[in-house]
Protein backbone atom coordinates (compact mmCIF):
# COMPACT_ATOMS: atom_id res chain seq x y z
CA MET A 1 83.40 121.56 108.24
CA ASP A 2 85.94 122.08 105.47
CA ASP A 3 85.34 119.71 102.55
CA ASN A 4 88.75 120.38 100.98
CA ASN A 5 90.45 118.09 103.51
CA ASN A 6 88.61 115.02 102.21
CA ARG A 7 89.34 115.41 98.50
CA THR A 8 91.49 113.03 96.50
CA ASP A 9 95.04 114.23 95.90
CA LYS A 10 95.23 114.13 92.08
CA GLU A 11 99.05 114.32 91.90
CA LEU A 12 99.48 111.44 94.32
CA LEU A 13 96.83 109.44 92.45
CA THR A 14 98.69 109.99 89.17
CA LYS A 15 101.94 108.86 90.79
CA GLY A 16 100.22 105.68 92.01
CA LEU A 17 98.75 104.94 88.60
CA LYS A 18 102.18 105.37 86.98
CA ARG A 19 103.60 102.85 89.45
CA LEU A 20 100.82 100.42 88.56
CA GLY A 21 101.61 100.93 84.87
CA GLY A 22 105.24 100.04 85.51
CA CYS A 23 104.05 97.05 87.51
CA LEU A 24 101.93 95.90 84.57
CA LEU A 25 104.95 96.07 82.28
CA LEU A 26 107.09 94.07 84.70
CA MET A 27 104.28 91.55 85.25
CA PHE A 28 104.51 90.57 81.60
CA LEU A 29 108.24 91.03 81.08
CA GLY A 30 109.47 89.06 84.12
CA PRO A 31 107.53 85.82 83.55
CA THR A 32 108.19 85.97 79.79
CA ILE A 33 111.95 86.13 80.34
CA LEU A 34 111.65 83.43 83.01
CA HIS A 35 109.77 81.14 80.62
CA LEU A 36 112.24 81.71 77.80
CA THR A 37 115.17 81.13 80.16
CA LEU A 38 113.79 77.89 81.57
CA ASN A 39 113.13 76.53 78.09
CA HIS A 40 116.75 77.14 77.03
CA ASP A 41 118.73 75.99 80.06
CA ASP A 42 121.67 74.83 77.93
CA LYS A 43 122.56 78.37 76.79
CA PRO A 44 125.54 80.27 78.28
CA LEU A 45 123.41 83.17 79.56
CA TYR A 46 121.09 80.89 81.56
CA ILE A 47 122.09 82.06 85.06
CA PRO A 48 122.21 85.85 84.35
CA LEU A 49 118.84 85.75 82.58
CA LEU A 50 117.34 83.67 85.38
CA ILE A 51 118.53 86.21 87.95
CA LEU A 52 117.18 89.07 85.80
CA ALA A 53 113.80 87.35 85.49
CA PHE A 54 113.54 86.90 89.26
CA ILE A 55 114.53 90.54 89.86
CA LEU A 56 111.85 91.71 87.39
CA CYS A 57 109.20 89.52 89.06
CA ILE A 58 110.12 90.83 92.50
CA GLY A 59 110.11 94.38 91.11
CA ALA A 60 106.56 93.84 89.81
CA ILE A 61 105.41 92.77 93.27
CA VAL A 62 107.11 95.77 94.91
CA LEU A 63 105.66 98.23 92.39
CA LEU A 64 102.22 96.71 92.85
CA PHE A 65 102.41 97.21 96.60
CA LEU A 66 103.78 100.75 96.30
CA GLY A 67 101.23 101.72 93.64
CA ILE A 68 98.24 100.48 95.61
CA ASN A 69 99.60 102.06 98.79
CA THR A 70 100.09 105.41 97.02
CA ILE A 71 96.58 105.32 95.58
CA MET A 72 95.10 104.53 98.99
CA ASP A 73 97.07 107.41 100.49
CA SER A 74 95.76 109.79 97.84
CA ILE A 75 92.18 108.77 98.51
CA PHE A 76 92.00 108.34 102.28
CA LYS A 77 94.71 110.48 103.90
CA LYS A 78 93.69 113.95 104.95
CA LYS A 79 95.83 116.93 103.99
CA LYS A 80 97.30 118.93 106.85
């Protein structure tokens, strides 16, 4: 039995960890902008900042899913 087929793909693992790092950044940035926007709803940039905050929050969720999925692929998928 060849043990090389069951090893973790280091490049794919690194890619997944980078995605999780980007997710971590967006997880702080999105809610912070959302909080600041909701506290100042009388400002002229209220709607664009609110949309930006929601996009950043959704981006954090997507990057979290993609990062975890990539890490799982690097650990459990066998190379061909």
